[in-house]
ModelCIF file with pLDDT and N, C-alpha, C, O atoms, coordinates in Angstrom:
data_MODEL
#
_entry.id   MODEL 
#
_entity.id                         1 
_entity.type                       polymer 
_entity.pdbx_number_of_molecules   1 
#
_entity_poly.entity_id                      1 
_entity_poly.type                           'polypeptide(L)' 
_entity_poly.nstd_linkage                   no 
_entity_poly.nstd_monomer                   no 
_entity_poly.pdbx_seq_one_letter_code       INAKRENEQWVFSVSDNGIGIDPKYFETIFQMFQRLFTREEY 
_entity_poly.pdbx_seq_one_letter_code_can   INAKRENEQWVFSVSDNGIGIDPKYFETIFQMFQRLFTREEY 
_entity_poly.pdbx_strand_id                 A 
#
loop_
_entity_poly_seq.entity_id 
_entity_poly_seq.num 
_entity_poly_seq.mon_id 
_entity_poly_seq.hetero 
1 1  ILE n 
1 2  ASN n 
1 3  ALA n 
1 4  LYS n 
1 5  ARG n 
1 6  GLU n 
1 7  ASN n 
1 8  GLU n 
1 9  GLN n 
1 10 TRP n 
1 11 VAL n 
1 12 PHE n 
1 13 SER n 
1 14 VAL n 
1 15 SER n 
1 16 ASP n 
1 17 ASN n 
1 18 GLY n 
1 19 ILE n 
1 20 GLY n 
1 21 ILE n 
1 22 ASP n 
1 23 PRO n 
1 24 LYS n 
1 25 TYR n 
1 26 PHE n 
1 27 GLU n 
1 28 THR n 
1 29 ILE n 
1 30 PHE n 
1 31 GLN n 
1 32 MET n 
1 33 PHE n 
1 34 GLN n 
1 35 ARG n 
1 36 LEU n 
1 37 PHE n 
1 38 THR n 
1 39 ARG n 
1 40 GLU n 
1 41 GLU n 
1 42 TYR n 
#
_struct_asym.id          A 
_struct_asym.entity_id   1 
#
loop_
_ma_qa_metric.id 
_ma_qa_metric.mode 
_ma_qa_metric.name 
_ma_qa_metric.software_group_id 
_ma_qa_metric.type 
1 global pLDDT . pLDDT 
2 local  pLDDT . pLDDT 
#
_ma_qa_metric_global.metric_id      1 
_ma_qa_metric_global.metric_value   77.50 
_ma_qa_metric_global.model_id       1 
_ma_qa_metric_global.ordinal_id     1 
#
loop_
_ma_qa_metric_local.label_asym_id 
_ma_qa_metric_local.label_comp_id 
_ma_qa_metric_local.label_seq_id 
_ma_qa_metric_local.metric_id 
_ma_qa_metric_local.metric_value 
_ma_qa_metric_local.model_id 
_ma_qa_metric_local.ordinal_id 
A ILE 1  2 94.00 1 1  
A ASN 2  2 94.00 1 2  
A ALA 3  2 94.00 1 3  
A LYS 4  2 93.00 1 4  
A ARG 5  2 92.00 1 5  
A GLU 6  2 90.00 1 6  
A ASN 7  2 86.00 1 7  
A GLU 8  2 88.00 1 8  
A GLN 9  2 92.00 1 9  
A TRP 10 2 94.00 1 10 
A VAL 11 2 95.00 1 11 
A PHE 12 2 95.00 1 12 
A SER 13 2 93.00 1 13 
A VAL 14 2 93.00 1 14 
A SER 15 2 92.00 1 15 
A ASP 16 2 91.00 1 16 
A ASN 17 2 90.00 1 17 
A GLY 18 2 88.00 1 18 
A ILE 19 2 86.00 1 19 
A GLY 20 2 85.00 1 20 
A ILE 21 2 84.00 1 21 
A ASP 22 2 81.00 1 22 
A PRO 23 2 83.00 1 23 
A LYS 24 2 82.00 1 24 
A TYR 25 2 78.00 1 25 
A PHE 26 2 79.00 1 26 
A GLU 27 2 78.00 1 27 
A THR 28 2 76.00 1 28 
A ILE 29 2 80.00 1 29 
A PHE 30 2 78.00 1 30 
A GLN 31 2 74.00 1 31 
A MET 32 2 58.00 1 32 
A PHE 33 2 51.00 1 33 
A GLN 34 2 55.00 1 34 
A ARG 35 2 51.00 1 35 
A LEU 36 2 53.00 1 36 
A PHE 37 2 48.00 1 37 
A THR 38 2 45.00 1 38 
A ARG 39 2 48.00 1 39 
A GLU 40 2 48.00 1 40 
A GLU 41 2 51.00 1 41 
A TYR 42 2 49.00 1 42 
#
loop_
_atom_site.group_PDB 
_atom_site.id 
_atom_site.type_symbol 
_atom_site.label_atom_id 
_atom_site.label_alt_id 
_atom_site.label_comp_id 
_atom_site.label_asym_id 
_atom_site.label_entity_id 
_atom_site.label_seq_id 
_atom_site.pdbx_PDB_ins_code 
_atom_site.Cartn_x 
_atom_site.Cartn_y 
_atom_site.Cartn_z 
_atom_site.occupancy 
_atom_site.B_iso_or_equiv 
_atom_site.pdbx_formal_charge 
_atom_site.auth_seq_id 
_atom_site.auth_comp_id 
_atom_site.auth_asym_id 
_atom_site.auth_atom_id 
_atom_site.pdbx_PDB_model_num 
ATOM 1   N N  . ILE A 1 1  ? -49.716 155.990 -88.540  1.00 94.00 ? 1  ILE A N  1 
ATOM 2   C CA . ILE A 1 1  ? -50.419 154.876 -89.317  1.00 94.00 ? 1  ILE A CA 1 
ATOM 3   C C  . ILE A 1 1  ? -51.275 155.257 -90.142  1.00 94.00 ? 1  ILE A C  1 
ATOM 4   O O  . ILE A 1 1  ? -52.222 155.826 -89.599  1.00 94.00 ? 1  ILE A O  1 
ATOM 5   N N  . ASN A 1 2  ? -51.350 155.162 -91.478  1.00 94.00 ? 2  ASN A N  1 
ATOM 6   C CA . ASN A 1 2  ? -52.255 155.855 -92.079  1.00 94.00 ? 2  ASN A CA 1 
ATOM 7   C C  . ASN A 1 2  ? -52.462 154.672 -93.329  1.00 94.00 ? 2  ASN A C  1 
ATOM 8   O O  . ASN A 1 2  ? -51.913 153.571 -93.286  1.00 94.00 ? 2  ASN A O  1 
ATOM 9   N N  . ALA A 1 3  ? -53.393 155.142 -94.478  1.00 94.00 ? 3  ALA A N  1 
ATOM 10  C CA . ALA A 1 3  ? -53.691 154.089 -95.545  1.00 94.00 ? 3  ALA A CA 1 
ATOM 11  C C  . ALA A 1 3  ? -54.313 155.018 -96.784  1.00 94.00 ? 3  ALA A C  1 
ATOM 12  O O  . ALA A 1 3  ? -55.110 155.877 -96.409  1.00 94.00 ? 3  ALA A O  1 
ATOM 13  N N  . LYS A 1 4  ? -54.070 154.956 -98.078  1.00 93.00 ? 4  LYS A N  1 
ATOM 14  C CA . LYS A 1 4  ? -54.535 155.527 -99.154  1.00 93.00 ? 4  LYS A CA 1 
ATOM 15  C C  . LYS A 1 4  ? -55.214 154.500 -100.187 1.00 93.00 ? 4  LYS A C  1 
ATOM 16  O O  . LYS A 1 4  ? -54.863 153.333 -100.017 1.00 93.00 ? 4  LYS A O  1 
ATOM 17  N N  . ARG A 1 5  ? -55.892 154.673 -100.962 1.00 92.00 ? 5  ARG A N  1 
ATOM 18  C CA . ARG A 1 5  ? -56.495 153.748 -101.722 1.00 92.00 ? 5  ARG A CA 1 
ATOM 19  C C  . ARG A 1 5  ? -55.553 153.959 -103.304 1.00 92.00 ? 5  ARG A C  1 
ATOM 20  O O  . ARG A 1 5  ? -55.377 155.030 -103.885 1.00 92.00 ? 5  ARG A O  1 
ATOM 21  N N  . GLU A 1 6  ? -55.113 152.754 -103.683 1.00 90.00 ? 6  GLU A N  1 
ATOM 22  C CA . GLU A 1 6  ? -54.368 152.964 -105.234 1.00 90.00 ? 6  GLU A CA 1 
ATOM 23  C C  . GLU A 1 6  ? -54.639 151.561 -106.383 1.00 90.00 ? 6  GLU A C  1 
ATOM 24  O O  . GLU A 1 6  ? -54.006 150.513 -106.263 1.00 90.00 ? 6  GLU A O  1 
ATOM 25  N N  . ASN A 1 7  ? -55.498 151.748 -107.276 1.00 86.00 ? 7  ASN A N  1 
ATOM 26  C CA . ASN A 1 7  ? -55.248 150.749 -108.015 1.00 86.00 ? 7  ASN A CA 1 
ATOM 27  C C  . ASN A 1 7  ? -56.246 149.668 -107.470 1.00 86.00 ? 7  ASN A C  1 
ATOM 28  O O  . ASN A 1 7  ? -55.920 148.481 -107.436 1.00 86.00 ? 7  ASN A O  1 
ATOM 29  N N  . GLU A 1 8  ? -57.530 150.134 -107.024 1.00 88.00 ? 8  GLU A N  1 
ATOM 30  C CA . GLU A 1 8  ? -58.152 149.027 -106.359 1.00 88.00 ? 8  GLU A CA 1 
ATOM 31  C C  . GLU A 1 8  ? -57.678 148.220 -105.360 1.00 88.00 ? 8  GLU A C  1 
ATOM 32  O O  . GLU A 1 8  ? -57.986 147.037 -105.215 1.00 88.00 ? 8  GLU A O  1 
ATOM 33  N N  . GLN A 1 9  ? -56.744 149.008 -104.499 1.00 92.00 ? 9  GLN A N  1 
ATOM 34  C CA . GLN A 1 9  ? -56.341 148.111 -103.117 1.00 92.00 ? 9  GLN A CA 1 
ATOM 35  C C  . GLN A 1 9  ? -55.988 149.312 -102.182 1.00 92.00 ? 9  GLN A C  1 
ATOM 36  O O  . GLN A 1 9  ? -55.805 150.460 -102.588 1.00 92.00 ? 9  GLN A O  1 
ATOM 37  N N  . TRP A 1 10 ? -55.910 148.874 -100.773 1.00 94.00 ? 10 TRP A N  1 
ATOM 38  C CA . TRP A 1 10 ? -55.330 149.501 -99.899  1.00 94.00 ? 10 TRP A CA 1 
ATOM 39  C C  . TRP A 1 10 ? -54.118 149.720 -99.674  1.00 94.00 ? 10 TRP A C  1 
ATOM 40  O O  . TRP A 1 10 ? -53.612 148.707 -99.191  1.00 94.00 ? 10 TRP A O  1 
ATOM 41  N N  . VAL A 1 11 ? -53.302 150.652 -99.799  1.00 95.00 ? 11 VAL A N  1 
ATOM 42  C CA . VAL A 1 11 ? -52.058 150.822 -99.204  1.00 95.00 ? 11 VAL A CA 1 
ATOM 43  C C  . VAL A 1 11 ? -52.022 151.138 -97.621  1.00 95.00 ? 11 VAL A C  1 
ATOM 44  O O  . VAL A 1 11 ? -52.642 152.104 -97.176  1.00 95.00 ? 11 VAL A O  1 
ATOM 45  N N  . PHE A 1 12 ? -51.463 150.504 -97.006  1.00 95.00 ? 12 PHE A N  1 
ATOM 46  C CA . PHE A 1 12 ? -51.211 151.012 -95.305  1.00 95.00 ? 12 PHE A CA 1 
ATOM 47  C C  . PHE A 1 12 ? -49.783 151.056 -95.244  1.00 95.00 ? 12 PHE A C  1 
ATOM 48  O O  . PHE A 1 12 ? -48.987 150.263 -95.747  1.00 95.00 ? 12 PHE A O  1 
ATOM 49  N N  . SER A 1 13 ? -49.556 152.079 -94.566  1.00 93.00 ? 13 SER A N  1 
ATOM 50  C CA . SER A 1 13 ? -48.173 152.377 -94.218  1.00 93.00 ? 13 SER A CA 1 
ATOM 51  C C  . SER A 1 13 ? -47.891 152.326 -92.526  1.00 93.00 ? 13 SER A C  1 
ATOM 52  O O  . SER A 1 13 ? -48.882 152.540 -91.829  1.00 93.00 ? 13 SER A O  1 
ATOM 53  N N  . VAL A 1 14 ? -46.944 152.127 -92.018  1.00 93.00 ? 14 VAL A N  1 
ATOM 54  C CA . VAL A 1 14 ? -46.343 152.321 -90.612  1.00 93.00 ? 14 VAL A CA 1 
ATOM 55  C C  . VAL A 1 14 ? -45.016 152.981 -90.617  1.00 93.00 ? 14 VAL A C  1 
ATOM 56  O O  . VAL A 1 14 ? -44.135 152.309 -91.154  1.00 93.00 ? 14 VAL A O  1 
ATOM 57  N N  . SER A 1 15 ? -44.644 154.188 -90.127  1.00 92.00 ? 15 SER A N  1 
ATOM 58  C CA . SER A 1 15 ? -43.928 155.040 -90.162  1.00 92.00 ? 15 SER A CA 1 
ATOM 59  C C  . SER A 1 15 ? -43.321 155.201 -88.976  1.00 92.00 ? 15 SER A C  1 
ATOM 60  O O  . SER A 1 15 ? -44.070 155.127 -88.002  1.00 92.00 ? 15 SER A O  1 
ATOM 61  N N  . ASP A 1 16 ? -41.776 155.471 -88.699  1.00 91.00 ? 16 ASP A N  1 
ATOM 62  C CA . ASP A 1 16 ? -41.330 155.594 -87.371  1.00 91.00 ? 16 ASP A CA 1 
ATOM 63  C C  . ASP A 1 16 ? -40.105 156.665 -87.852  1.00 91.00 ? 16 ASP A C  1 
ATOM 64  O O  . ASP A 1 16 ? -39.758 157.086 -88.956  1.00 91.00 ? 16 ASP A O  1 
ATOM 65  N N  . ASN A 1 17 ? -39.711 156.852 -86.717  1.00 90.00 ? 17 ASN A N  1 
ATOM 66  C CA . ASN A 1 17 ? -38.168 157.960 -86.505  1.00 90.00 ? 17 ASN A CA 1 
ATOM 67  C C  . ASN A 1 17 ? -37.324 157.121 -85.825  1.00 90.00 ? 17 ASN A C  1 
ATOM 68  O O  . ASN A 1 17 ? -36.600 157.676 -84.999  1.00 90.00 ? 17 ASN A O  1 
ATOM 69  N N  . GLY A 1 18 ? -37.206 155.741 -85.968  1.00 88.00 ? 18 GLY A N  1 
ATOM 70  C CA . GLY A 1 18 ? -35.950 155.221 -85.371  1.00 88.00 ? 18 GLY A CA 1 
ATOM 71  C C  . GLY A 1 18 ? -34.855 155.050 -86.112  1.00 88.00 ? 18 GLY A C  1 
ATOM 72  O O  . GLY A 1 18 ? -34.566 156.071 -86.736  1.00 88.00 ? 18 GLY A O  1 
ATOM 73  N N  . ILE A 1 19 ? -33.916 153.873 -86.332  1.00 86.00 ? 19 ILE A N  1 
ATOM 74  C CA . ILE A 1 19 ? -32.848 153.803 -86.637  1.00 86.00 ? 19 ILE A CA 1 
ATOM 75  C C  . ILE A 1 19 ? -32.671 153.503 -87.823  1.00 86.00 ? 19 ILE A C  1 
ATOM 76  O O  . ILE A 1 19 ? -31.513 153.501 -88.241  1.00 86.00 ? 19 ILE A O  1 
ATOM 77  N N  . GLY A 1 20 ? -33.592 153.216 -88.568  1.00 85.00 ? 20 GLY A N  1 
ATOM 78  C CA . GLY A 1 20 ? -33.658 152.905 -89.989  1.00 85.00 ? 20 GLY A CA 1 
ATOM 79  C C  . GLY A 1 20 ? -32.837 151.551 -90.692  1.00 85.00 ? 20 GLY A C  1 
ATOM 80  O O  . GLY A 1 20 ? -32.069 150.887 -89.997  1.00 85.00 ? 20 GLY A O  1 
ATOM 81  N N  . ILE A 1 21 ? -33.017 151.307 -91.746  1.00 84.00 ? 21 ILE A N  1 
ATOM 82  C CA . ILE A 1 21 ? -32.484 150.256 -92.495  1.00 84.00 ? 21 ILE A CA 1 
ATOM 83  C C  . ILE A 1 21 ? -31.725 150.725 -93.521  1.00 84.00 ? 21 ILE A C  1 
ATOM 84  O O  . ILE A 1 21 ? -32.149 151.639 -94.229  1.00 84.00 ? 21 ILE A O  1 
ATOM 85  N N  . ASP A 1 22 ? -30.326 150.071 -93.756  1.00 81.00 ? 22 ASP A N  1 
ATOM 86  C CA . ASP A 1 22 ? -29.670 149.930 -95.079  1.00 81.00 ? 22 ASP A CA 1 
ATOM 87  C C  . ASP A 1 22 ? -30.286 149.500 -96.025  1.00 81.00 ? 22 ASP A C  1 
ATOM 88  O O  . ASP A 1 22 ? -30.870 148.454 -95.744  1.00 81.00 ? 22 ASP A O  1 
ATOM 89  N N  . PRO A 1 23 ? -30.468 149.945 -97.360  1.00 83.00 ? 23 PRO A N  1 
ATOM 90  C CA . PRO A 1 23 ? -31.076 149.680 -98.166  1.00 83.00 ? 23 PRO A CA 1 
ATOM 91  C C  . PRO A 1 23 ? -30.816 148.168 -99.011  1.00 83.00 ? 23 PRO A C  1 
ATOM 92  O O  . PRO A 1 23 ? -31.627 147.509 -99.663  1.00 83.00 ? 23 PRO A O  1 
ATOM 93  N N  . LYS A 1 24 ? -29.769 147.978 -98.806  1.00 82.00 ? 24 LYS A N  1 
ATOM 94  C CA . LYS A 1 24 ? -29.219 146.593 -98.949  1.00 82.00 ? 24 LYS A CA 1 
ATOM 95  C C  . LYS A 1 24 ? -29.886 145.522 -98.473  1.00 82.00 ? 24 LYS A C  1 
ATOM 96  O O  . LYS A 1 24 ? -29.988 144.445 -99.060  1.00 82.00 ? 24 LYS A O  1 
ATOM 97  N N  . TYR A 1 25 ? -30.452 145.861 -97.165  1.00 78.00 ? 25 TYR A N  1 
ATOM 98  C CA . TYR A 1 25 ? -31.359 144.441 -96.543  1.00 78.00 ? 25 TYR A CA 1 
ATOM 99  C C  . TYR A 1 25 ? -32.687 144.712 -96.810  1.00 78.00 ? 25 TYR A C  1 
ATOM 100 O O  . TYR A 1 25 ? -33.471 143.940 -96.259  1.00 78.00 ? 25 TYR A O  1 
ATOM 101 N N  . PHE A 1 26 ? -33.292 145.803 -97.668  1.00 79.00 ? 26 PHE A N  1 
ATOM 102 C CA . PHE A 1 26 ? -34.542 145.631 -97.824  1.00 79.00 ? 26 PHE A CA 1 
ATOM 103 C C  . PHE A 1 26 ? -35.152 144.066 -98.244  1.00 79.00 ? 26 PHE A C  1 
ATOM 104 O O  . PHE A 1 26 ? -36.319 143.881 -97.900  1.00 79.00 ? 26 PHE A O  1 
ATOM 105 N N  . GLU A 1 27 ? -34.666 143.262 -98.746  1.00 78.00 ? 27 GLU A N  1 
ATOM 106 C CA . GLU A 1 27 ? -35.441 142.031 -99.333  1.00 78.00 ? 27 GLU A CA 1 
ATOM 107 C C  . GLU A 1 27 ? -35.193 141.095 -97.947  1.00 78.00 ? 27 GLU A C  1 
ATOM 108 O O  . GLU A 1 27 ? -36.040 140.497 -97.283  1.00 78.00 ? 27 GLU A O  1 
ATOM 109 N N  . THR A 1 28 ? -34.064 141.161 -97.791  1.00 76.00 ? 28 THR A N  1 
ATOM 110 C CA . THR A 1 28 ? -33.442 139.966 -96.850  1.00 76.00 ? 28 THR A CA 1 
ATOM 111 C C  . THR A 1 28 ? -34.208 140.055 -95.302  1.00 76.00 ? 28 THR A C  1 
ATOM 112 O O  . THR A 1 28 ? -34.266 139.076 -94.558  1.00 76.00 ? 28 THR A O  1 
ATOM 113 N N  . ILE A 1 29 ? -34.661 141.120 -95.028  1.00 80.00 ? 29 ILE A N  1 
ATOM 114 C CA . ILE A 1 29 ? -35.322 141.487 -93.576  1.00 80.00 ? 29 ILE A CA 1 
ATOM 115 C C  . ILE A 1 29 ? -36.299 140.536 -93.489  1.00 80.00 ? 29 ILE A C  1 
ATOM 116 O O  . ILE A 1 29 ? -36.556 139.922 -92.454  1.00 80.00 ? 29 ILE A O  1 
ATOM 117 N N  . PHE A 1 30 ? -37.068 140.336 -94.944  1.00 78.00 ? 30 PHE A N  1 
ATOM 118 C CA . PHE A 1 30 ? -38.476 139.518 -94.673  1.00 78.00 ? 30 PHE A CA 1 
ATOM 119 C C  . PHE A 1 30 ? -38.592 138.085 -94.901  1.00 78.00 ? 30 PHE A C  1 
ATOM 120 O O  . PHE A 1 30 ? -39.609 137.443 -95.165  1.00 78.00 ? 30 PHE A O  1 
ATOM 121 N N  . GLN A 1 31 ? -36.938 137.528 -94.704  1.00 74.00 ? 31 GLN A N  1 
ATOM 122 C CA . GLN A 1 31 ? -36.655 136.111 -94.567  1.00 74.00 ? 31 GLN A CA 1 
ATOM 123 C C  . GLN A 1 31 ? -36.990 135.549 -93.445  1.00 74.00 ? 31 GLN A C  1 
ATOM 124 O O  . GLN A 1 31 ? -37.236 136.309 -92.509  1.00 74.00 ? 31 GLN A O  1 
ATOM 125 N N  . MET A 1 32 ? -37.083 134.203 -93.245  1.00 58.00 ? 32 MET A N  1 
ATOM 126 C CA . MET A 1 32 ? -36.702 133.884 -91.926  1.00 58.00 ? 32 MET A CA 1 
ATOM 127 C C  . MET A 1 32 ? -35.607 133.663 -91.484  1.00 58.00 ? 32 MET A C  1 
ATOM 128 O O  . MET A 1 32 ? -34.760 133.170 -92.230  1.00 58.00 ? 32 MET A O  1 
ATOM 129 N N  . PHE A 1 33 ? -35.337 133.933 -90.285  1.00 51.00 ? 33 PHE A N  1 
ATOM 130 C CA . PHE A 1 33 ? -34.071 133.789 -89.490  1.00 51.00 ? 33 PHE A CA 1 
ATOM 131 C C  . PHE A 1 33 ? -33.138 134.960 -89.951  1.00 51.00 ? 33 PHE A C  1 
ATOM 132 O O  . PHE A 1 33 ? -31.963 134.827 -89.612  1.00 51.00 ? 33 PHE A O  1 
ATOM 133 N N  . GLN A 1 34 ? -33.464 136.114 -90.684  1.00 55.00 ? 34 GLN A N  1 
ATOM 134 C CA . GLN A 1 34 ? -32.746 137.084 -90.791  1.00 55.00 ? 34 GLN A CA 1 
ATOM 135 C C  . GLN A 1 34 ? -32.311 138.241 -89.917  1.00 55.00 ? 34 GLN A C  1 
ATOM 136 O O  . GLN A 1 34 ? -32.994 139.264 -89.887  1.00 55.00 ? 34 GLN A O  1 
ATOM 137 N N  . ARG A 1 35 ? -31.575 138.162 -89.445  1.00 51.00 ? 35 ARG A N  1 
ATOM 138 C CA . ARG A 1 35 ? -31.108 139.297 -87.977  1.00 51.00 ? 35 ARG A CA 1 
ATOM 139 C C  . ARG A 1 35 ? -29.901 139.986 -88.455  1.00 51.00 ? 35 ARG A C  1 
ATOM 140 O O  . ARG A 1 35 ? -28.848 139.465 -88.823  1.00 51.00 ? 35 ARG A O  1 
ATOM 141 N N  . LEU A 1 36 ? -30.177 141.121 -88.401  1.00 53.00 ? 36 LEU A N  1 
ATOM 142 C CA . LEU A 1 36 ? -29.356 142.674 -88.913  1.00 53.00 ? 36 LEU A CA 1 
ATOM 143 C C  . LEU A 1 36 ? -28.711 142.819 -87.611  1.00 53.00 ? 36 LEU A C  1 
ATOM 144 O O  . LEU A 1 36 ? -27.675 143.450 -87.817  1.00 53.00 ? 36 LEU A O  1 
ATOM 145 N N  . PHE A 1 37 ? -28.818 142.550 -86.408  1.00 48.00 ? 37 PHE A N  1 
ATOM 146 C CA . PHE A 1 37 ? -28.383 142.682 -85.246  1.00 48.00 ? 37 PHE A CA 1 
ATOM 147 C C  . PHE A 1 37 ? -28.189 141.393 -84.508  1.00 48.00 ? 37 PHE A C  1 
ATOM 148 O O  . PHE A 1 37 ? -28.880 140.394 -84.708  1.00 48.00 ? 37 PHE A O  1 
ATOM 149 N N  . THR A 1 38 ? -26.942 141.494 -83.405  1.00 45.00 ? 38 THR A N  1 
ATOM 150 C CA . THR A 1 38 ? -26.701 140.150 -82.749  1.00 45.00 ? 38 THR A CA 1 
ATOM 151 C C  . THR A 1 38 ? -27.944 140.366 -81.575  1.00 45.00 ? 38 THR A C  1 
ATOM 152 O O  . THR A 1 38 ? -28.596 141.374 -81.300  1.00 45.00 ? 38 THR A O  1 
ATOM 153 N N  . ARG A 1 39 ? -27.977 139.182 -81.089  1.00 48.00 ? 39 ARG A N  1 
ATOM 154 C CA . ARG A 1 39 ? -28.937 138.808 -79.949  1.00 48.00 ? 39 ARG A CA 1 
ATOM 155 C C  . ARG A 1 39 ? -28.297 139.579 -78.547  1.00 48.00 ? 39 ARG A C  1 
ATOM 156 O O  . ARG A 1 39 ? -29.183 139.593 -77.693  1.00 48.00 ? 39 ARG A O  1 
ATOM 157 N N  . GLU A 1 40 ? -27.379 140.048 -78.183  1.00 48.00 ? 40 GLU A N  1 
ATOM 158 C CA . GLU A 1 40 ? -27.207 141.120 -77.383  1.00 48.00 ? 40 GLU A CA 1 
ATOM 159 C C  . GLU A 1 40 ? -27.522 142.376 -77.509  1.00 48.00 ? 40 GLU A C  1 
ATOM 160 O O  . GLU A 1 40 ? -27.778 143.129 -76.570  1.00 48.00 ? 40 GLU A O  1 
ATOM 161 N N  . GLU A 1 41 ? -27.517 142.710 -78.873  1.00 51.00 ? 41 GLU A N  1 
ATOM 162 C CA . GLU A 1 41 ? -27.996 144.180 -79.258  1.00 51.00 ? 41 GLU A CA 1 
ATOM 163 C C  . GLU A 1 41 ? -29.643 144.160 -79.025  1.00 51.00 ? 41 GLU A C  1 
ATOM 164 O O  . GLU A 1 41 ? -30.173 144.835 -78.143  1.00 51.00 ? 41 GLU A O  1 
ATOM 165 N N  . TYR A 1 42 ? -30.422 143.250 -79.984  1.00 49.00 ? 42 TYR A N  1 
ATOM 166 C CA . TYR A 1 42 ? -31.805 142.995 -79.889  1.00 49.00 ? 42 TYR A CA 1 
ATOM 167 C C  . TYR A 1 42 ? -32.152 141.724 -79.764  1.00 49.00 ? 42 TYR A C  1 
ATOM 168 O O  . TYR A 1 42 ? -33.340 141.414 -79.675  1.00 49.00 ? 42 TYR A O  1 
#
């Protein structure tokens, strides 16, 4: 977890070494009820 100042704003980041996300889901994951996996998996 870190932060840096860019253009009069603070940009924070939370990075991990997990399973990752396919780029085609970058927009949909922030929508309500959007699941990339079944309930049995996660």
